[in-house]
PDB file of N, CA and C in Angstrom:
ATOM      1  N   UNK A   1       5.233  -8.662  21.549  1.00  0.00           N
ATOM      2  CA  UNK A   1       4.677  -9.125  20.783  1.00  0.00           C
ATOM      3  C   UNK A   1       3.354  -9.029  19.765  1.00  0.00           C
ATOM      4  N   UNK A   2       3.791  -8.482  18.563  1.00  0.00           N
ATOM      5  CA  UNK A   2       2.265  -7.748  18.035  1.00  0.00           C
ATOM      6  C   UNK A   2       0.967  -8.225  17.803  1.00  0.00           C
ATOM      7  N   UNK A   3      -0.259  -7.953  18.319  1.00  0.00           N
ATOM      8  CA  UNK A   3      -1.245  -8.632  18.214  1.00  0.00           C
ATOM      9  C   UNK A   3      -2.248  -8.653  16.526  1.00  0.00           C
ATOM     10  N   UNK A   4      -2.666 -10.192  16.554  1.00  0.00           N
ATOM     11  CA  UNK A   4      -3.256  -9.840  15.003  1.00  0.00           C
ATOM     12  C   UNK A   4      -4.043  -8.737  14.798  1.00  0.00           C
ATOM     13  N   UNK A   5      -4.660  -8.442  15.643  1.00  0.00           N
ATOM     14  CA  UNK A   5      -6.049  -7.311  15.007  1.00  0.00           C
ATOM     15  C   UNK A   5      -5.457  -6.459  14.838  1.00  0.00           C
ATOM     16  N   UNK A   6      -3.908  -5.908  15.148  1.00  0.00           N
ATOM     17  CA  UNK A   6      -3.516  -4.682  15.139  1.00  0.00           C
ATOM     18  C   UNK A   6      -2.676  -4.965  13.488  1.00  0.00           C
ATOM     19  N   UNK A   7      -2.717  -5.653  12.775  1.00  0.00           N
ATOM     20  CA  UNK A   7      -2.337  -5.783  11.650  1.00  0.00           C
ATOM     21  C   UNK A   7      -2.868  -5.411  10.508  1.00  0.00           C
ATOM     22  N   UNK A   8      -2.559  -4.449   9.402  1.00  0.00           N
ATOM     23  CA  UNK A   8      -3.399  -4.690   8.324  1.00  0.00           C
ATOM     24  C   UNK A   8      -2.532  -4.921   7.151  1.00  0.00           C
ATOM     25  N   UNK A   9      -3.346  -5.607   5.608  1.00  0.00           N
ATOM     26  CA  UNK A   9      -2.066  -5.481   4.798  1.00  0.00           C
ATOM     27  C   UNK A   9      -3.306  -5.116   3.582  1.00  0.00           C
ATOM     28  N   UNK A  10      -3.326  -4.078   2.916  1.00  0.00           N
ATOM     29  CA  UNK A  10      -3.713  -3.497   1.563  1.00  0.00           C
ATOM     30  C   UNK A  10      -3.077  -4.457   0.521  1.00  0.00           C
ATOM     31  N   UNK A  11      -3.884  -4.923  -0.189  1.00  0.00           N
ATOM     32  CA  UNK A  11      -3.494  -6.261  -0.744  1.00  0.00           C
ATOM     33  C   UNK A  11      -4.084  -6.559  -1.664  1.00  0.00           C
ATOM     34  N   UNK A  12      -3.383  -7.032  -3.163  1.00  0.00           N
ATOM     35  CA  UNK A  12      -3.644  -7.146  -4.277  1.00  0.00           C
ATOM     36  C   UNK A  12      -3.340  -8.542  -4.175  1.00  0.00           C
ATOM     37  N   UNK A  13      -4.312  -9.493  -4.476  1.00  0.00           N
ATOM     38  CA  UNK A  13      -4.097 -11.410  -4.777  1.00  0.00           C
ATOM     39  C   UNK A  13      -3.405 -11.364  -5.858  1.00  0.00           C
ATOM     40  N   UNK A  14      -3.431 -10.622  -6.966  1.00  0.00           N
ATOM     41  CA  UNK A  14      -2.927 -10.427  -8.402  1.00  0.00           C
ATOM     42  C   UNK A  14      -1.406 -10.539  -8.197  1.00  0.00           C
ATOM     43  N   UNK A  15      -1.031  -9.852  -7.232  1.00  0.00           N
ATOM     44  CA  UNK A  15       0.641  -9.381  -7.097  1.00  0.00           C
ATOM     45  C   UNK A  15       1.383  -9.958  -6.612  1.00  0.00           C
ATOM     46  N   UNK A  16       2.477 -10.644  -6.961  1.00  0.00           N
ATOM     47  CA  UNK A  16       3.371 -11.818  -6.258  1.00  0.00           C
ATOM     48  C   UNK A  16       3.952 -11.358  -5.023  1.00  0.00           C
ATOM     49  N   UNK A  17       4.330  -9.776  -5.352  1.00  0.00           N
ATOM     50  CA  UNK A  17       4.956  -9.016  -4.457  1.00  0.00           C
ATOM     51  C   UNK A  17       4.015  -9.092  -3.153  1.00  0.00           C
ATOM     52  N   UNK A  18       2.587  -8.672  -3.046  1.00  0.00           N
ATOM     53  CA  UNK A  18       1.618  -8.723  -2.301  1.00  0.00           C
ATOM     54  C   UNK A  18       1.403 -10.119  -1.864  1.00  0.00           C
ATOM     55  N   UNK A  19       1.401 -11.068  -2.341  1.00  0.00           N
ATOM     56  CA  UNK A  19       1.291 -12.650  -1.651  1.00  0.00           C
ATOM     57  C   UNK A  19       2.246 -12.924  -0.876  1.00  0.00           C
ATOM     58  N   UNK A  20       3.437 -12.677  -1.438  1.00  0.00           N
ATOM     59  CA  UNK A  20       4.814 -12.811  -0.701  1.00  0.00           C
ATOM     60  C   UNK A  20       4.765 -12.296   0.781  1.00  0.00           C
ATOM     61  N   UNK A  21       4.437 -11.390   0.939  1.00  0.00           N
ATOM     62  CA  UNK A  21       4.389 -10.680   2.252  1.00  0.00           C
ATOM     63  C   UNK A  21       3.368 -10.899   2.889  1.00  0.00           C
ATOM     64  N   UNK A  22       2.147 -11.178   2.115  1.00  0.00           N
ATOM     65  CA  UNK A  22       1.022 -11.984   3.140  1.00  0.00           C
ATOM     66  C   UNK A  22       1.577 -12.823   3.533  1.00  0.00           C
ATOM     67  N   UNK A  23       2.021 -14.061   3.183  1.00  0.00           N
ATOM     68  CA  UNK A  23       2.878 -15.119   3.434  1.00  0.00           C
ATOM     69  C   UNK A  23       3.627 -15.000   4.874  1.00  0.00           C
ATOM     70  N   UNK A  24       4.474 -13.921   4.210  1.00  0.00           N
ATOM     71  CA  UNK A  24       5.380 -13.242   5.671  1.00  0.00           C
ATOM     72  C   UNK A  24       4.655 -13.413   6.921  1.00  0.00           C
ATOM     73  N   UNK A  25       3.814 -12.594   6.812  1.00  0.00           N
ATOM     74  CA  UNK A  25       2.802 -11.980   7.667  1.00  0.00           C
ATOM     75  C   UNK A  25       2.236 -13.560   8.613  1.00  0.00           C
ATOM     76  N   UNK A  26       1.864 -13.912   7.748  1.00  0.00           N
ATOM     77  CA  UNK A  26       0.975 -15.563   8.096  1.00  0.00           C
ATOM     78  C   UNK A  26       2.384 -16.288   8.989  1.00  0.00           C
ATOM     79  N   UNK A  27       3.619 -16.755   7.891  1.00  0.00           N
ATOM     80  CA  UNK A  27       4.561 -17.381   8.650  1.00  0.00           C
ATOM     81  C   UNK A  27       4.759 -16.831   9.802  1.00  0.00           C
ATOM     82  N   UNK A  28       4.577 -15.487  10.402  1.00  0.00           N
ATOM     83  CA  UNK A  28       5.159 -14.961  11.856  1.00  0.00           C
ATOM     84  C   UNK A  28       3.810 -15.098  13.147  1.00  0.00           C
ATOM     85  N   UNK A  29       2.989 -15.664  12.228  1.00  0.00           N
ATOM     86  CA  UNK A  29       2.336 -16.341  13.269  1.00  0.00           C
ATOM     87  C   UNK A  29       0.984 -14.946  13.107  1.00  0.00           C
ATOM     88  N   UNK A  30       0.502 -14.017  12.145  1.00  0.00           N
ATOM     89  CA  UNK A  30      -0.107 -13.167  12.208  1.00  0.00           C
ATOM     90  C   UNK A  30      -1.307 -13.642  11.587  1.00  0.00           C
ATOM     91  N   UNK A  31      -2.590 -13.336  11.761  1.00  0.00           N
ATOM     92  CA  UNK A  31      -3.561 -13.278  11.258  1.00  0.00           C
ATOM     93  C   UNK A  31      -3.971 -11.316  10.618  1.00  0.00           C
ATOM     94  N   UNK A  32      -3.397 -10.924   9.613  1.00  0.00           N
ATOM     95  CA  UNK A  32      -3.476  -9.537   9.365  1.00  0.00           C
ATOM     96  C   UNK A  32      -4.834  -9.648   8.890  1.00  0.00           C
ATOM     97  N   UNK A  33      -5.716  -7.965   9.036  1.00  0.00           N
ATOM     98  CA  UNK A  33      -6.983  -7.940   8.155  1.00  0.00           C
ATOM     99  C   UNK A  33      -6.299  -7.333   6.795  1.00  0.00           C
ATOM    100  N   UNK A  34      -7.169  -8.131   6.074  1.00  0.00           N
ATOM    101  CA  UNK A  34      -6.773  -8.284   4.402  1.00  0.00           C
ATOM    102  C   UNK A  34      -7.674  -7.453   3.595  1.00  0.00           C
ATOM    103  N   UNK A  35      -7.118  -6.148   3.497  1.00  0.00           N
ATOM    104  CA  UNK A  35      -7.838  -5.303   2.539  1.00  0.00           C
ATOM    105  C   UNK A  35      -7.610  -5.680   1.319  1.00  0.00           C
ATOM    106  N   UNK A  36      -8.749  -5.699   0.302  1.00  0.00           N
ATOM    107  CA  UNK A  36      -8.230  -5.880  -0.876  1.00  0.00           C
ATOM    108  C   UNK A  36      -8.878  -4.502  -1.481  1.00  0.00           C
ATOM    109  N   UNK A  37      -7.810  -3.768  -1.438  1.00  0.00           N
ATOM    110  CA  UNK A  37      -7.976  -2.315  -1.947  1.00  0.00           C
ATOM    111  C   UNK A  37      -8.396  -2.433  -3.121  1.00  0.00           C
ATOM    112  N   UNK A  38      -8.454  -2.914  -4.004  1.00  0.00           N
ATOM    113  CA  UNK A  38      -8.741  -2.701  -5.343  1.00  0.00           C
ATOM    114  C   UNK A  38     -10.942  -2.501  -5.749  1.00  0.00           C
ATOM    115  N   UNK A  39     -11.224  -3.360  -4.320  1.00  0.00           N
ATOM    116  CA  UNK A  39     -12.429  -3.578  -4.682  1.00  0.00           C
ATOM    117  C   UNK A  39     -13.313  -2.690  -3.317  1.00  0.00           C
ATOM    118  N   UNK A  40     -12.243  -2.207  -2.109  1.00  0.00           N
ATOM    119  CA  UNK A  40     -12.692  -1.844  -1.061  1.00  0.00           C
ATOM    120  C   UNK A  40     -11.221  -0.621  -0.926  1.00  0.00           C
ATOM    121  N   UNK A  41     -11.591   0.426  -2.105  1.00  0.00           N
ATOM    122  CA  UNK A  41     -10.476   1.244  -1.696  1.00  0.00           C
ATOM    123  C   UNK A  41     -10.323   2.313  -0.757  1.00  0.00           C
ATOM    124  N   UNK A  42      -9.696   2.870  -0.148  1.00  0.00           N
ATOM    125  CA  UNK A  42      -9.328   3.814   0.993  1.00  0.00           C
ATOM    126  C   UNK A  42      -9.790   5.294   0.743  1.00  0.00           C
ATOM    127  N   UNK A  43     -10.333   5.982   1.332  1.00  0.00           N
ATOM    128  CA  UNK A  43     -10.923   7.157   0.992  1.00  0.00           C
ATOM    129  C   UNK A  43      -9.418   8.393   0.789  1.00  0.00           C
ATOM    130  N   UNK A  44      -9.801   9.513   0.618  1.00  0.00           N
ATOM    131  CA  UNK A  44      -8.391  10.213   0.194  1.00  0.00           C
ATOM    132  C   UNK A  44      -8.079  10.387   1.681  1.00  0.00           C
ATOM    133  N   UNK A  45      -8.526  10.577   2.973  1.00  0.00           N
ATOM    134  CA  UNK A  45      -7.778  11.075   4.157  1.00  0.00           C
ATOM    135  C   UNK A  45      -7.248   9.437   4.383  1.00  0.00           C
ATOM    136  N   UNK A  46      -7.837   8.241   4.513  1.00  0.00           N
ATOM    137  CA  UNK A  46      -7.023   7.136   4.458  1.00  0.00           C
ATOM    138  C   UNK A  46      -5.794   7.207   3.934  1.00  0.00           C
ATOM    139  N   UNK A  47      -6.103   7.306   2.460  1.00  0.00           N
ATOM    140  CA  UNK A  47      -4.791   6.914   1.837  1.00  0.00           C
ATOM    141  C   UNK A  47      -3.587   8.252   2.364  1.00  0.00           C
ATOM    142  N   UNK A  48      -3.895   9.116   2.625  1.00  0.00           N
ATOM    143  CA  UNK A  48      -3.134  10.491   2.850  1.00  0.00           C
ATOM    144  C   UNK A  48      -2.454   9.750   4.323  1.00  0.00           C
ATOM    145  N   UNK A  49      -3.248   9.542   5.208  1.00  0.00           N
ATOM    146  CA  UNK A  49      -2.785   9.165   6.350  1.00  0.00           C
ATOM    147  C   UNK A  49      -1.250   7.893   6.412  1.00  0.00           C
ATOM    148  N   UNK A  50      -1.997   6.678   5.198  1.00  0.00           N
ATOM    149  CA  UNK A  50      -1.020   5.868   5.348  1.00  0.00           C
ATOM    150  C   UNK A  50       0.135   6.152   5.142  1.00  0.00           C
ATOM    151  N   UNK A  51       0.262   6.921   3.671  1.00  0.00           N
ATOM    152  CA  UNK A  51       1.564   7.311   2.885  1.00  0.00           C
ATOM    153  C   UNK A  51       2.149   8.306   4.229  1.00  0.00           C
ATOM    154  N   UNK A  52       1.529   8.770   4.762  1.00  0.00           N
ATOM    155  CA  UNK A  52       2.382  10.023   6.221  1.00  0.00           C
ATOM    156  C   UNK A  52       3.139   9.008   6.880  1.00  0.00           C
ATOM    157  N   UNK A  53       2.172   8.532   7.340  1.00  0.00           N
ATOM    158  CA  UNK A  53       2.845   7.429   8.141  1.00  0.00           C
ATOM    159  C   UNK A  53       4.390   6.128   7.553  1.00  0.00           C
ATOM    160  N   UNK A  54       3.707   5.641   6.596  1.00  0.00           N
ATOM    161  CA  UNK A  54       5.609   5.461   5.861  1.00  0.00           C
ATOM    162  C   UNK A  54       6.511   6.344   5.637  1.00  0.00           C
ATOM    163  N   UNK A  55       5.827   7.505   5.546  1.00  0.00           N
ATOM    164  CA  UNK A  55       7.051   8.501   4.936  1.00  0.00           C
ATOM    165  C   UNK A  55       6.974   8.480   3.605  1.00  0.00           C
ATOM    166  N   UNK A  56       6.196   8.662   2.977  1.00  0.00           N
ATOM    167  CA  UNK A  56       6.049   8.858   1.460  1.00  0.00           C
ATOM    168  C   UNK A  56       5.251   9.865   0.736  1.00  0.00           C
ATOM    169  N   UNK A  57       5.432  10.543  -0.144  1.00  0.00           N
ATOM    170  CA  UNK A  57       4.896  11.287  -0.730  1.00  0.00           C
ATOM    171  C   UNK A  57       4.026  10.119  -1.678  1.00  0.00           C
ATOM    172  N   UNK A  58       3.072  10.727  -2.434  1.00  0.00           N
ATOM    173  CA  UNK A  58       2.199  10.156  -3.459  1.00  0.00           C
ATOM    174  C   UNK A  58       2.602   9.571  -4.783  1.00  0.00           C
ATOM    175  N   UNK A  59       3.839  10.218  -5.213  1.00  0.00           N
ATOM    176  CA  UNK A  59       4.749  10.146  -6.166  1.00  0.00           C
ATOM    177  C   UNK A  59       5.701   9.185  -5.695  1.00  0.00           C
ATOM    178  N   UNK A  60       6.174   8.720  -4.638  1.00  0.00           N
ATOM    179  CA  UNK A  60       6.740   7.981  -4.468  1.00  0.00           C
ATOM    180  C   UNK A  60       5.892   6.033  -4.180  1.00  0.00           C
ATOM    181  N   UNK A  61       4.607   6.405  -3.929  1.00  0.00           N
ATOM    182  CA  UNK A  61       3.532   5.522  -3.925  1.00  0.00           C
ATOM    183  C   UNK A  61       2.555   5.263  -5.343  1.00  0.00           C
ATOM    184  N   UNK A  62       2.848   5.565  -5.878  1.00  0.00           N
ATOM    185  CA  UNK A  62       2.334   5.525  -7.331  1.00  0.00           C
ATOM    186  C   UNK A  62       2.851   4.524  -8.220  1.00  0.00           C
ATOM    187  N   UNK A  63       2.260   3.822  -9.315  1.00  0.00           N
ATOM    188  CA  UNK A  63       2.435   2.985  -9.684  1.00  0.00           C
ATOM    189  C   UNK A  63       2.902   3.320 -11.245  1.00  0.00           C
ATOM    190  N   UNK A  64       3.888   4.214 -11.341  1.00  0.00           N
ATOM    191  CA  UNK A  64       4.358   4.752 -12.950  1.00  0.00           C
ATOM    192  C   UNK A  64       4.358   3.847 -13.796  1.00  0.00           C
ATOM    193  N   UNK A  65       4.614   2.384 -13.831  1.00  0.00           N
ATOM    194  CA  UNK A  65       4.693   1.864 -15.062  1.00  0.00           C
ATOM    195  C   UNK A  65       2.828   1.241 -15.587  1.00  0.00           C
ATOM    196  N   UNK A  66       1.706   0.962 -14.616  1.00  0.00           N
ATOM    197  CA  UNK A  66       0.605   1.191 -14.868  1.00  0.00           C
ATOM    198  C   UNK A  66       0.414   1.971 -15.706  1.00  0.00           C
ATOM    199  N   UNK A  67      -0.434   1.055 -17.021  1.00  0.00           N
ATOM    200  CA  UNK A  67      -0.766   1.814 -18.351  1.00  0.00           C
ATOM    201  C   UNK A  67      -1.157   3.243 -18.144  1.00  0.00           C
ATOM    202  N   UNK A  68      -1.991   3.253 -17.086  1.00  0.00           N
ATOM    203  CA  UNK A  68      -3.143   4.228 -16.537  1.00  0.00           C
ATOM    204  C   UNK A  68      -2.519   5.740 -16.060  1.00  0.00           C
ATOM    205  N   UNK A  69      -0.835   5.341 -15.755  1.00  0.00           N
ATOM    206  CA  UNK A  69      -0.520   6.448 -15.010  1.00  0.00           C
ATOM    207  C   UNK A  69      -0.196   7.273 -16.838  1.00  0.00           C
ATOM    208  N   UNK A  70       0.454   6.932 -17.587  1.00  0.00           N
ATOM    209  CA  UNK A  70       0.570   7.321 -18.881  1.00  0.00           C
ATOM    210  C   UNK A  70      -0.860   8.070 -19.701  1.00  0.00           C
ATOM    211  N   UNK A  71      -1.662   6.976 -19.576  1.00  0.00           N
ATOM    212  CA  UNK A  71      -2.871   7.354 -20.446  1.00  0.00           C
ATOM    213  C   UNK A  71      -3.458   8.708 -19.428  1.00  0.00           C
ATOM    214  N   UNK A  72      -3.372   9.096 -18.078  1.00  0.00           N
ATOM    215  CA  UNK A  72      -3.702   9.956 -17.801  1.00  0.00           C
ATOM    216  C   UNK A  72      -2.965  11.169 -17.541  1.00  0.00           C
ATOM    217  N   UNK A  73      -1.603  11.198 -17.706  1.00  0.00           N
ATOM    218  CA  UNK A  73      -0.832  12.193 -18.201  1.00  0.00           C
ATOM    219  C   UNK A  73      -0.325  12.414 -16.767  1.00  0.00           C
ATOM    220  N   UNK A  74      -0.272  11.709 -15.807  1.00  0.00           N
ATOM    221  CA  UNK A  74       0.385  12.163 -14.388  1.00  0.00           C
ATOM    222  C   UNK A  74       1.748  12.373 -14.395  1.00  0.00           C
ATOM    223  N   UNK A  75       2.702  12.469 -15.663  1.00  0.00           N
ATOM    224  CA  UNK A  75       3.676  12.951 -15.289  1.00  0.00           C
ATOM    225  C   UNK A  75       3.722  14.595 -14.711  1.00  0.00           C
ATOM    226  N   UNK A  76       4.864  14.541 -13.596  1.00  0.00           N
ATOM    227  CA  UNK A  76       4.658  16.245 -13.434  1.00  0.00           C
ATOM    228  C   UNK A  76       4.164  16.902 -12.627  1.00  0.00           C
ATOM    229  N   UNK A  77       2.592  16.149 -12.662  1.00  0.00           N
ATOM    230  CA  UNK A  77       1.504  16.694 -11.965  1.00  0.00           C
ATOM    231  C   UNK A  77       2.025  16.658  -9.826  1.00  0.00           C
ATOM    232  N   UNK A  78       1.124  17.671  -9.258  1.00  0.00           N
ATOM    233  CA  UNK A  78       1.332  17.657  -7.612  1.00  0.00           C
ATOM    234  C   UNK A  78       1.137  16.492  -7.163  1.00  0.00           C
ATOM    235  N   UNK A  79       2.021  16.482  -6.147  1.00  0.00           N
ATOM    236  CA  UNK A  79       1.444  15.116  -5.350  1.00  0.00           C
ATOM    237  C   UNK A  79       0.022  15.395  -4.985  1.00  0.00           C
ATOM    238  N   UNK A  80      -0.770  16.509  -4.868  1.00  0.00           N
ATOM    239  CA  UNK A  80      -2.368  16.616  -4.340  1.00  0.00           C
ATOM    240  C   UNK A  80      -2.883  15.962  -5.997  1.00  0.00           C
ATOM    241  N   UNK A  81      -2.252  16.206  -7.266  1.00  0.00           N
ATOM    242  CA  UNK A  81      -3.315  15.501  -8.438  1.00  0.00           C
ATOM    243  C   UNK A  81      -3.016  14.085  -8.218  1.00  0.00           C
ATOM    244  N   UNK A  82      -1.417  13.476  -7.957  1.00  0.00           N
ATOM    245  CA  UNK A  82      -1.327  12.133  -7.888  1.00  0.00           C
ATOM    246  C   UNK A  82      -2.057  11.640  -6.827  1.00  0.00           C
ATOM    247  N   UNK A  83      -2.472  12.231  -5.519  1.00  0.00           N
ATOM    248  CA  UNK A  83      -3.233  11.499  -4.426  1.00  0.00           C
ATOM    249  C   UNK A  83      -4.555  11.069  -5.099  1.00  0.00           C
ATOM    250  N   UNK A  84      -4.871  12.463  -5.393  1.00  0.00           N
ATOM    251  CA  UNK A  84      -6.669  12.273  -6.222  1.00  0.00           C
ATOM    252  C   UNK A  84      -6.529  11.319  -7.210  1.00  0.00           C
ATOM    253  N   UNK A  85      -5.508  11.109  -7.631  1.00  0.00           N
ATOM    254  CA  UNK A  85      -5.935   9.920  -9.287  1.00  0.00           C
ATOM    255  C   UNK A  85      -5.550   8.306  -8.457  1.00  0.00           C
ATOM    256  N   UNK A  86      -5.103   8.552  -7.379  1.00  0.00           N
ATOM    257  CA  UNK A  86      -4.627   6.944  -6.558  1.00  0.00           C
ATOM    258  C   UNK A  86      -6.134   6.922  -5.948  1.00  0.00           C
ATOM    259  N   UNK A  87      -7.090   8.205  -5.506  1.00  0.00           N
ATOM    260  CA  UNK A  87      -8.360   7.975  -4.744  1.00  0.00           C
ATOM    261  C   UNK A  87      -9.101   7.013  -5.469  1.00  0.00           C
ATOM    262  N   UNK A  88      -9.240   7.939  -6.800  1.00  0.00           N
ATOM    263  CA  UNK A  88     -10.168   7.563  -8.133  1.00  0.00           C
ATOM    264  C   UNK A  88      -9.896   6.155  -8.854  1.00  0.00           C
ATOM    265  N   UNK A  89      -8.825   5.733  -9.005  1.00  0.00           N
ATOM    266  CA  UNK A  89      -8.021   4.626 -10.168  1.00  0.00           C
ATOM    267  C   UNK A  89      -7.089   4.027  -9.116  1.00  0.00           C
ATOM    268  N   UNK A  90      -7.537   3.208  -7.949  1.00  0.00           N
ATOM    269  CA  UNK A  90      -6.796   2.503  -7.137  1.00  0.00           C
ATOM    270  C   UNK A  90      -5.882   1.658  -7.376  1.00  0.00           C
ATOM    271  N   UNK A  91      -6.024   1.095  -8.633  1.00  0.00           N
ATOM    272  CA  UNK A  91      -5.006   0.339  -9.106  1.00  0.00           C
ATOM    273  C   UNK A  91      -3.864   1.009  -8.967  1.00  0.00           C
ATOM    274  N   UNK A  92      -3.531   2.452  -9.075  1.00  0.00           N
ATOM    275  CA  UNK A  92      -2.386   3.372  -9.464  1.00  0.00           C
ATOM    276  C   UNK A  92      -1.618   3.006  -7.655  1.00  0.00           C
ATOM    277  N   UNK A  93      -2.439   2.848  -6.894  1.00  0.00           N
ATOM    278  CA  UNK A  93      -1.585   2.528  -5.693  1.00  0.00           C
ATOM    279  C   UNK A  93      -0.640   1.288  -5.625  1.00  0.00           C
ATOM    280  N   UNK A  94       0.420   1.720  -5.324  1.00  0.00           N
ATOM    281  CA  UNK A  94       1.897   0.605  -5.222  1.00  0.00           C
ATOM    282  C   UNK A  94       1.035  -0.550  -3.883  1.00  0.00           C
ATOM    283  N   UNK A  95       1.607  -1.334  -4.206  1.00  0.00           N
ATOM    284  CA  UNK A  95       1.090  -2.591  -3.074  1.00  0.00           C
ATOM    285  C   UNK A  95       2.210  -3.721  -2.684  1.00  0.00           C
ATOM    286  N   UNK A  96       2.378  -3.886  -1.657  1.00  0.00           N
ATOM    287  CA  UNK A  96       1.193  -3.784  -0.868  1.00  0.00           C
ATOM    288  C   UNK A  96       1.691  -2.546   0.596  1.00  0.00           C
ATOM    289  N   UNK A  97       0.503  -2.381   0.695  1.00  0.00           N
ATOM    290  CA  UNK A  97       0.991  -1.720   2.020  1.00  0.00           C
ATOM    291  C   UNK A  97       0.439  -2.118   3.412  1.00  0.00           C
ATOM    292  N   UNK A  98       1.745  -2.402   4.481  1.00  0.00           N
ATOM    293  CA  UNK A  98       1.050  -2.832   5.527  1.00  0.00           C
ATOM    294  C   UNK A  98       1.361  -2.145   6.692  1.00  0.00           C
ATOM    295  N   UNK A  99       0.187  -1.959   7.859  1.00  0.00           N
ATOM    296  CA  UNK A  99       0.047  -1.404   8.707  1.00  0.00           C
ATOM    297  C   UNK A  99       0.309  -2.180  10.340  1.00  0.00           C
ATOM    298  N   UNK A 100       1.112  -2.000  11.357  1.00  0.00           N
ATOM    299  CA  UNK A 100       1.158  -2.644  12.202  1.00  0.00           C
ATOM    300  C   UNK A 100       1.582  -1.536  13.393  1.00  0.00           C
ATOM    301  N   UNK A 101       1.422  -1.959  14.762  1.00  0.00           N
ATOM    302  CA  UNK A 101       1.700  -1.402  16.099  1.00  0.00           C
ATOM    303  C   UNK A 101       2.821  -0.550  15.765  1.00  0.00           C
ATOM    304  N   UNK A 102       4.025  -1.001  14.848  1.00  0.00           N
ATOM    305  CA  UNK A 102       5.096  -0.251  15.218  1.00  0.00           C
ATOM    306  C   UNK A 102       5.433   0.716  13.932  1.00  0.00           C
ATOM    307  N   UNK A 103       4.643   1.193  12.955  1.00  0.00           N
ATOM    308  CA  UNK A 103       4.817   1.598  11.670  1.00  0.00           C
ATOM    309  C   UNK A 103       3.733   0.897  10.874  1.00  0.00           C
ATOM    310  N   UNK A 104       4.005   1.861   9.718  1.00  0.00           N
ATOM    311  CA  UNK A 104       3.407   1.467   7.959  1.00  0.00           C
ATOM    312  C   UNK A 104       4.771   1.281   7.417  1.00  0.00           C
ATOM    313  N   UNK A 105       4.331   0.584   6.567  1.00  0.00           N
ATOM    314  CA  UNK A 105       5.448   0.180   5.607  1.00  0.00           C
ATOM    315  C   UNK A 105       5.008   0.065   3.944  1.00  0.00           C
ATOM    316  N   UNK A 106       5.269   0.473   2.866  1.00  0.00           N
ATOM    317  CA  UNK A 106       5.215  -0.082   1.258  1.00  0.00           C
ATOM    318  C   UNK A 106       5.777  -1.466   1.329  1.00  0.00           C
ATOM    319  N   UNK A 107       5.850  -2.336   1.220  1.00  0.00           N
ATOM    320  CA  UNK A 107       6.814  -3.432   1.354  1.00  0.00           C
ATOM    321  C   UNK A 107       6.983  -3.701   0.319  1.00  0.00           C
ATOM    322  N   UNK A 108       7.947  -2.998  -0.081  1.00  0.00           N
ATOM    323  CA  UNK A 108       8.822  -2.861  -1.631  1.00  0.00           C
ATOM    324  C   UNK A 108       9.946  -2.253  -1.448  1.00  0.00           C
ATOM    325  N   UNK A 109      11.189  -3.431  -1.526  1.00  0.00           N
ATOM    326  CA  UNK A 109      11.243  -5.114  -1.406  1.00  0.00           C
ATOM    327  C   UNK A 109      10.223  -5.519  -0.159  1.00  0.00           C
ATOM    328  N   UNK A 110       9.668  -7.256  -0.394  1.00  0.00           N
ATOM    329  CA  UNK A 110       8.902  -7.507   0.692  1.00  0.00           C
ATOM    330  C   UNK A 110      10.003  -7.466   2.074  1.00  0.00           C
ATOM    331  N   UNK A 111      11.111  -7.844   2.077  1.00  0.00           N
ATOM    332  CA  UNK A 111      11.642  -7.642   3.442  1.00  0.00           C
ATOM    333  C   UNK A 111      11.612  -6.180   3.951  1.00  0.00           C
ATOM    334  N   UNK A 112      11.135  -5.016   3.455  1.00  0.00           N
ATOM    335  CA  UNK A 112      11.183  -3.812   4.104  1.00  0.00           C
ATOM    336  C   UNK A 112       9.949  -4.080   5.115  1.00  0.00           C
ATOM    337  N   UNK A 113       8.869  -5.136   4.961  1.00  0.00           N
ATOM    338  CA  UNK A 113       8.117  -5.157   6.001  1.00  0.00           C
ATOM    339  C   UNK A 113       8.585  -5.697   7.796  1.00  0.00           C
ATOM    340  N   UNK A 114       9.656  -6.412   7.506  1.00  0.00           N
ATOM    341  CA  UNK A 114      10.763  -7.067   8.657  1.00  0.00           C
ATOM    342  C   UNK A 114      11.060  -5.493   9.511  1.00  0.00           C
ATOM    343  N   UNK A 115      10.877  -4.452   9.398  1.00  0.00           N
ATOM    344  CA  UNK A 115      11.445  -2.875   9.886  1.00  0.00           C
ATOM    345  C   UNK A 115       9.869  -2.624  11.295  1.00  0.00           C
ATOM    346  N   UNK A 116       8.558  -3.168  10.537  1.00  0.00           N
ATOM    347  CA  UNK A 116       7.776  -3.207  11.432  1.00  0.00           C
ATOM    348  C   UNK A 116       7.219  -4.262  12.282  1.00  0.00           C
ATOM    349  N   UNK A 117       7.274  -5.528  11.929  1.00  0.00           N
ATOM    350  CA  UNK A 117       7.267  -6.954  12.986  1.00  0.00           C
ATOM    351  C   UNK A 117       7.429  -6.559  14.338  1.00  0.00           C
TER     352      UNK A 117
END
């Protein structure tokens, strides 16, 4: 059984998918650590580790539909440049990212979380 203290969600309360995933965790009897990443964004090392653990490149976890993505001209940039942009502008980080002892997932779609519960 997953211990409550071992689950973390990088959460944006304004995002419906993020809220759904948080509800799924709570319905499973978990009380995850909630990191509101827009208020307390991960540093570069933390974000790089989260993405690596989830098996994702920055280009797979950046919000391309976010207006800032176009404003900053990020299309075609290197993975390192995208990661730096995500650290500087956390609104660009796709959400939610969930960490449990069984792994790390970008919970999009929300059902992806079932693999690590």
